[in-house]
Protein backbone atom coordinates (compact mmCIF):
# COMPACT_ATOMS: atom_id res chain seq x y z
CA MET A 1 23.49 21.86 22.77
CA ALA A 2 25.14 18.18 22.62
CA ASP A 3 23.54 15.57 20.27
CA MET A 4 24.74 11.19 20.74
CA ALA A 5 26.87 9.03 17.90
CA ILE A 6 29.38 6.40 17.30
CA ASP A 7 32.23 6.98 17.20
CA GLU A 8 35.21 4.53 15.20
CA LYS A 9 35.39 2.26 18.01
CA GLY A 10 30.96 1.88 18.39
CA ARG A 11 31.22 3.66 21.81
CA THR A 12 28.74 6.34 21.70
CA VAL A 13 29.76 9.65 22.39
CA ALA A 14 28.93 13.49 22.85
CA LYS A 15 28.79 15.99 19.76
CA ARG A 16 28.29 19.37 19.68
CA VAL A 17 26.02 20.06 17.29
CA THR A 18 25.51 24.01 16.48
CA SER A 19 22.47 23.97 14.53
CA ARG A 20 18.85 22.11 13.44
CA SER A 21 17.05 21.64 10.94
CA ALA A 22 13.40 23.36 11.23
CA PRO A 23 10.99 21.86 12.81
CA ILE A 24 7.88 20.12 11.09
CA ALA A 25 4.77 22.03 12.44
CA VAL A 26 2.74 18.36 13.49
CA PRO A 27 -0.01 18.76 10.42
CA GLY A 28 2.66 18.58 7.88
CA LEU A 29 3.94 15.83 8.56
CA PHE A 30 1.32 14.41 7.35
CA SER A 31 0.93 16.62 4.46
CA LEU A 32 1.48 15.15 0.86
CA ASP A 33 0.45 18.62 -0.69
CA GLY A 34 2.97 18.53 -4.66
CA GLN A 35 3.66 14.82 -3.82
CA VAL A 36 2.25 12.56 -6.86
CA ALA A 37 0.51 9.28 -5.93
CA LEU A 38 -1.03 6.47 -7.99
CA VAL A 39 -3.15 3.53 -6.26
CA THR A 40 -3.94 0.61 -7.83
CA GLY A 41 -7.26 -1.32 -7.87
CA ALA A 42 -8.31 3.06 -6.60
CA SER A 43 -12.00 2.15 -8.07
CA ARG A 44 -13.92 1.13 -4.81
CA GLY A 45 -13.10 -0.23 -1.78
CA LEU A 46 -10.15 0.04 -0.09
CA GLY A 47 -8.20 1.83 -2.61
CA LEU A 48 -11.08 3.88 -3.10
CA GLU A 49 -11.08 5.34 0.00
CA VAL A 50 -6.90 5.31 0.04
CA ALA A 51 -6.58 7.47 -3.15
CA ARG A 52 -9.44 10.26 -1.26
CA ALA A 53 -7.34 10.40 1.36
CA MET A 54 -4.42 10.87 -0.56
CA ALA A 55 -6.16 13.71 -2.49
CA GLU A 56 -6.70 15.34 0.52
CA ALA A 57 -3.64 15.22 2.50
CA GLY A 58 -3.02 17.55 -1.56
CA ALA A 59 -1.25 14.41 -3.15
CA ARG A 60 -2.25 14.28 -7.74
CA VAL A 61 -3.68 11.34 -7.69
CA VAL A 62 -3.64 9.38 -10.63
CA LEU A 63 -6.68 6.05 -9.98
CA ALA A 64 -5.26 3.24 -11.68
CA GLY A 65 -8.20 0.19 -12.41
CA ARG A 66 -8.65 -2.04 -15.34
CA ASP A 67 -12.12 -0.83 -16.02
CA ARG A 68 -12.48 2.79 -17.49
CA SER A 69 -15.67 3.27 -17.14
CA ARG A 70 -15.43 2.55 -13.02
CA VAL A 71 -12.51 4.36 -13.09
CA GLU A 72 -12.90 7.34 -14.19
CA ALA A 73 -16.51 7.03 -11.45
CA ALA A 74 -13.87 6.87 -9.03
CA ALA A 75 -12.21 9.90 -9.96
CA GLY A 76 -14.75 11.92 -10.61
CA SER A 77 -16.16 10.79 -6.25
CA ILE A 78 -13.47 12.83 -5.30
CA ARG A 79 -14.35 16.26 -5.07
CA GLY A 80 -12.71 19.16 -3.11
CA THR A 81 -9.33 19.05 -3.01
CA ALA A 82 -6.31 20.84 -4.36
CA HIS A 83 -6.07 18.89 -7.43
CA GLU A 84 -8.39 16.80 -9.66
CA PRO A 85 -8.04 13.52 -9.36
CA VAL A 86 -7.04 11.83 -12.78
CA GLY A 87 -7.21 7.61 -14.24
CA ALA A 88 -5.49 5.56 -15.43
CA VAL A 89 -6.38 2.11 -16.91
CA PHE A 90 -3.88 -0.77 -18.02
CA ASP A 91 -3.92 -4.14 -16.95
CA PHE A 92 -1.08 -4.52 -13.52
CA THR A 93 -0.31 -8.55 -14.54
CA ASP A 94 0.23 -7.50 -18.12
CA PRO A 95 4.46 -6.00 -18.07
CA ASP A 96 4.38 -3.93 -21.20
CA ALA A 97 1.53 -2.82 -20.67
CA THR A 98 2.34 -1.66 -16.74
CA ARG A 99 5.31 -0.12 -17.28
CA GLU A 100 3.91 1.57 -20.48
CA ALA A 101 1.51 3.26 -18.04
CA LEU A 102 4.41 3.98 -15.13
CA ARG A 103 6.33 5.54 -17.69
CA ARG A 104 3.01 7.21 -19.53
CA ILE A 105 1.40 8.52 -15.86
CA HIS A 106 5.51 10.31 -15.05
CA ALA A 107 5.78 11.81 -18.38
CA ASP A 108 2.26 13.59 -17.33
CA ALA A 109 2.53 14.89 -14.20
CA GLY A 110 6.73 14.97 -14.33
CA ARG A 111 7.83 11.90 -11.42
CA ILE A 112 6.03 9.59 -9.77
CA ASP A 113 6.29 9.91 -5.70
CA ILE A 114 4.34 7.65 -4.65
CA LEU A 115 2.91 4.17 -5.16
CA VAL A 116 0.34 2.12 -3.67
CA HIS A 117 -0.47 -0.93 -4.57
CA ASN A 118 -3.75 -2.29 -3.61
CA ALA A 119 -4.75 -4.54 -6.68
CA GLY A 120 -5.20 -7.90 -6.04
CA ALA A 121 -7.73 -11.03 -6.52
CA ARG A 122 -8.58 -14.22 -4.23
CA ASP A 123 -10.13 -17.38 -4.94
CA ARG A 124 -11.29 -19.04 -1.53
CA LYS A 125 -11.15 -23.19 -2.01
CA PRO A 126 -9.75 -25.79 -1.32
CA LEU A 127 -6.30 -26.59 -2.62
CA ALA A 128 -7.04 -29.50 -4.69
CA GLU A 129 -9.62 -27.12 -6.30
CA PHE A 130 -7.01 -25.72 -7.74
CA SER A 131 -5.45 -26.29 -11.10
CA ASP A 132 -2.06 -25.49 -12.08
CA ALA A 133 -3.06 -22.50 -14.49
CA ASP A 134 -5.90 -21.35 -11.26
CA ILE A 135 -2.29 -20.89 -8.64
CA ARG A 136 -0.08 -19.45 -11.67
CA ALA A 137 -2.66 -16.55 -12.24
CA LEU A 138 -3.73 -16.25 -8.57
CA ILE A 139 0.12 -16.27 -7.89
CA ASP A 140 0.94 -13.71 -10.61
CA THR A 141 -2.41 -11.27 -9.88
CA ASN A 142 -1.20 -10.92 -6.68
CA LEU A 143 3.03 -10.97 -5.59
CA THR A 144 3.98 -10.98 -9.41
CA ALA A 145 2.44 -7.55 -10.04
CA GLY A 146 3.19 -6.23 -7.96
CA ILE A 147 7.31 -6.86 -8.42
CA VAL A 148 7.12 -5.60 -11.71
CA LEU A 149 4.91 -2.53 -9.92
CA ALA A 150 8.08 -1.83 -7.80
CA ARG A 151 10.94 -2.60 -10.64
CA GLU A 152 9.16 0.03 -12.62
CA ALA A 153 8.90 2.52 -10.01
CA ALA A 154 11.41 2.29 -8.57
CA ALA A 155 13.85 2.77 -11.58
CA LEU A 156 10.93 6.14 -11.79
CA MET A 157 12.06 6.98 -8.39
CA VAL A 158 15.78 6.49 -7.77
CA PRO A 159 16.65 8.99 -10.12
CA GLN A 160 14.77 11.46 -7.68
CA GLY A 161 16.45 10.71 -5.12
CA SER A 162 13.32 10.00 -3.47
CA GLY A 163 9.67 7.60 -3.22
CA ARG A 164 7.48 5.49 -1.20
CA LEU A 165 5.89 2.02 -2.14
CA ILE A 166 3.23 0.48 0.05
CA MET A 167 2.13 -2.97 -1.01
CA MET A 168 -1.75 -3.33 0.26
CA THR A 169 -0.42 -7.23 2.29
CA SER A 170 -3.35 -8.48 3.74
CA ILE A 171 -3.01 -11.05 7.90
CA ALA A 172 -3.05 -13.27 5.85
CA GLY A 173 0.74 -12.87 5.59
CA HIS A 174 0.50 -13.29 9.41
CA VAL A 175 -2.33 -15.43 9.62
CA ALA A 176 -3.56 -18.84 7.80
CA ARG A 177 -7.02 -20.31 6.96
CA ALA A 178 -8.54 -23.13 5.13
CA ASN A 179 -9.53 -23.31 2.05
CA ASP A 180 -7.02 -20.35 1.19
CA ALA A 181 -3.68 -21.81 0.44
CA VAL A 182 -2.68 -19.58 -2.95
CA TYR A 183 -3.68 -16.53 -1.16
CA THR A 184 -1.77 -16.58 1.50
CA ALA A 185 1.17 -17.46 -0.19
CA SER A 186 0.47 -14.66 -1.85
CA LYS A 187 0.06 -12.47 0.73
CA HIS A 188 3.64 -13.75 2.38
CA GLY A 189 5.19 -13.32 -0.58
CA LEU A 190 4.44 -9.70 -0.52
CA THR A 191 5.37 -9.30 2.79
CA GLY A 192 9.02 -10.60 1.56
CA LEU A 193 8.73 -7.96 -1.72
CA VAL A 194 8.61 -5.40 0.64
CA ARG A 195 11.59 -6.56 2.61
CA ALA A 196 13.48 -6.99 0.41
CA LEU A 197 12.42 -3.73 -1.50
CA ALA A 198 13.64 -1.48 1.40
CA ALA A 199 16.70 -3.20 1.58
CA GLU A 200 17.16 -2.52 -2.07
CA TYR A 201 16.11 1.05 -3.13
CA GLY A 202 16.80 2.64 1.00
CA PRO A 203 20.38 3.69 -0.13
CA HIS A 204 17.91 5.67 -3.21
CA GLY A 205 16.19 7.20 -0.63
CA ILE A 206 12.94 4.87 -0.92
CA THR A 207 10.89 3.35 1.58
CA SER A 208 9.07 0.00 1.50
CA ASN A 209 6.43 -0.82 3.48
CA ALA A 210 3.00 -2.46 3.51
CA ILE A 211 -0.82 -1.90 4.99
CA ALA A 212 -2.05 -5.67 5.95
CA PRO A 213 -6.06 -5.14 6.31
CA GLY A 214 -8.08 -7.06 8.75
CA GLY A 215 -11.73 -7.93 8.54
CA PHE A 216 -13.03 -4.58 6.20
CA ALA A 217 -16.42 -4.26 5.15
CA THR A 218 -15.69 -3.88 1.35
CA GLU A 219 -17.46 -5.61 -1.97
CA ALA A 220 -14.33 -7.74 -2.19
CA ASN A 221 -15.28 -9.67 0.65
CA ALA A 222 -19.48 -9.41 0.00
CA GLU A 223 -19.54 -12.74 0.38
CA MET A 224 -18.23 -13.12 3.61
CA ILE A 225 -20.54 -9.94 4.85
CA ALA A 226 -23.18 -12.17 3.98
CA ASP A 227 -23.00 -15.29 5.54
CA PRO A 228 -24.03 -14.27 9.32
CA LYS A 229 -20.89 -17.53 10.80
CA ALA A 230 -18.39 -15.28 9.29
CA VAL A 231 -20.08 -12.08 10.10
CA GLU A 232 -19.98 -13.03 13.62
CA HIS A 233 -16.61 -14.68 13.34
CA PHE A 234 -14.34 -11.70 12.68
CA ALA A 235 -15.79 -9.65 14.42
CA GLY A 236 -15.77 -12.19 17.77
CA ARG A 237 -12.36 -11.92 17.00
CA SER A 238 -11.74 -8.32 16.61
CA LEU A 239 -10.75 -6.70 19.54
CA ILE A 240 -13.10 -3.73 18.73
CA GLY A 241 -15.94 -6.09 18.06
CA ARG A 242 -16.82 -5.01 14.51
CA TRP A 243 -14.80 -4.47 11.01
CA GLY A 244 -13.41 -2.55 10.15
CA GLN A 245 -14.85 0.59 7.28
CA PRO A 246 -13.16 1.24 4.09
CA ARG A 247 -12.35 4.83 5.44
CA GLU A 248 -10.18 3.28 8.38
CA ILE A 249 -7.57 2.56 6.15
CA ALA A 250 -7.20 5.56 5.22
CA GLY A 251 -4.31 6.96 7.94
CA ALA A 252 -2.11 4.43 7.32
CA ALA A 253 -1.17 4.75 3.52
CA VAL A 254 -1.44 8.47 4.36
CA PHE A 255 0.91 8.10 7.00
CA LEU A 256 3.54 5.47 5.67
CA ALA A 257 3.53 7.77 2.45
CA SER A 258 3.87 11.29 4.02
CA PRO A 259 6.95 12.82 6.04
CA ALA A 260 5.90 11.72 9.45
CA ALA A 261 6.73 7.63 8.13
CA SER A 262 10.44 9.25 6.34
CA TYR A 263 12.70 6.51 8.74
CA VAL A 264 10.34 4.12 8.27
CA THR A 265 10.24 0.76 5.56
CA GLY A 266 10.79 -2.07 5.67
CA HIS A 267 7.74 -2.37 8.06
CA VAL A 268 4.13 -4.61 7.10
CA LEU A 269 1.47 -1.76 9.42
CA VAL A 270 -0.94 -4.02 10.80
CA VAL A 271 -4.41 -2.87 10.30
CA ASP A 272 -7.20 -5.59 11.94
CA GLY A 273 -8.59 -4.03 15.29
CA GLY A 274 -6.57 -6.70 17.17
CA LEU A 275 -8.06 -9.74 14.96
CA THR A 276 -4.66 -10.86 15.10
CA THR A 277 -3.16 -9.31 18.81
CA ALA A 278 -5.05 -11.58 21.06
CA MET A 279 -6.21 -15.67 20.45
């Protein structure tokens, strides 16, 4: 049995392979059995659906948010899974609180295998209406917090020799709209962060990827959903002709966290019904 390799002169050559590792069954490719997953912004919307799907895939899930009652309600809504989800309440824009929370989760669970950073904010208005403080606050929430979370999670993953960093960005990291400049800049920043993390932590067995959702019918988009023109615009731009439902983001997250994506890193997986594909 022959396989291909690259010799010291850069030539493709055949090499003899005497044995292969056992193949992974297809269901096992997407199993998160025994993994510990931390999902931020998990009390509602896309974050909750990601947490639910990961729990259903066998992970021990920690749902993180800033509102205790909402986090507890979200964790309680996930039933019938192998491991009972738990909540973690902390302010992810506070570096000290983030560091302490991740260390506590790691101490309680014994490890953190997956970080899904979904939490964020949006403030749609003309750039001229942003104060300096407004700009800093949105960048801190959408970008700086992700950098800090990734740093702290990676520090715990490196000794394990494995880990998955997954950032929830947006199609705003690919295309732009008027009156959304600061949010768009923050999401472009996250895209760059994901690629830099892939380069820095790949040698430690840690992958770094992002999911870029398009128009999804979530509470965060309630203002747009209430506007018939906005609904029609996004549905019309989607090649599928409709908005996405929150559950439709779950498969992308499970894939990037699973053995199926072991050789995927530095990638942004766009889930937008084709909105950014065609003119």
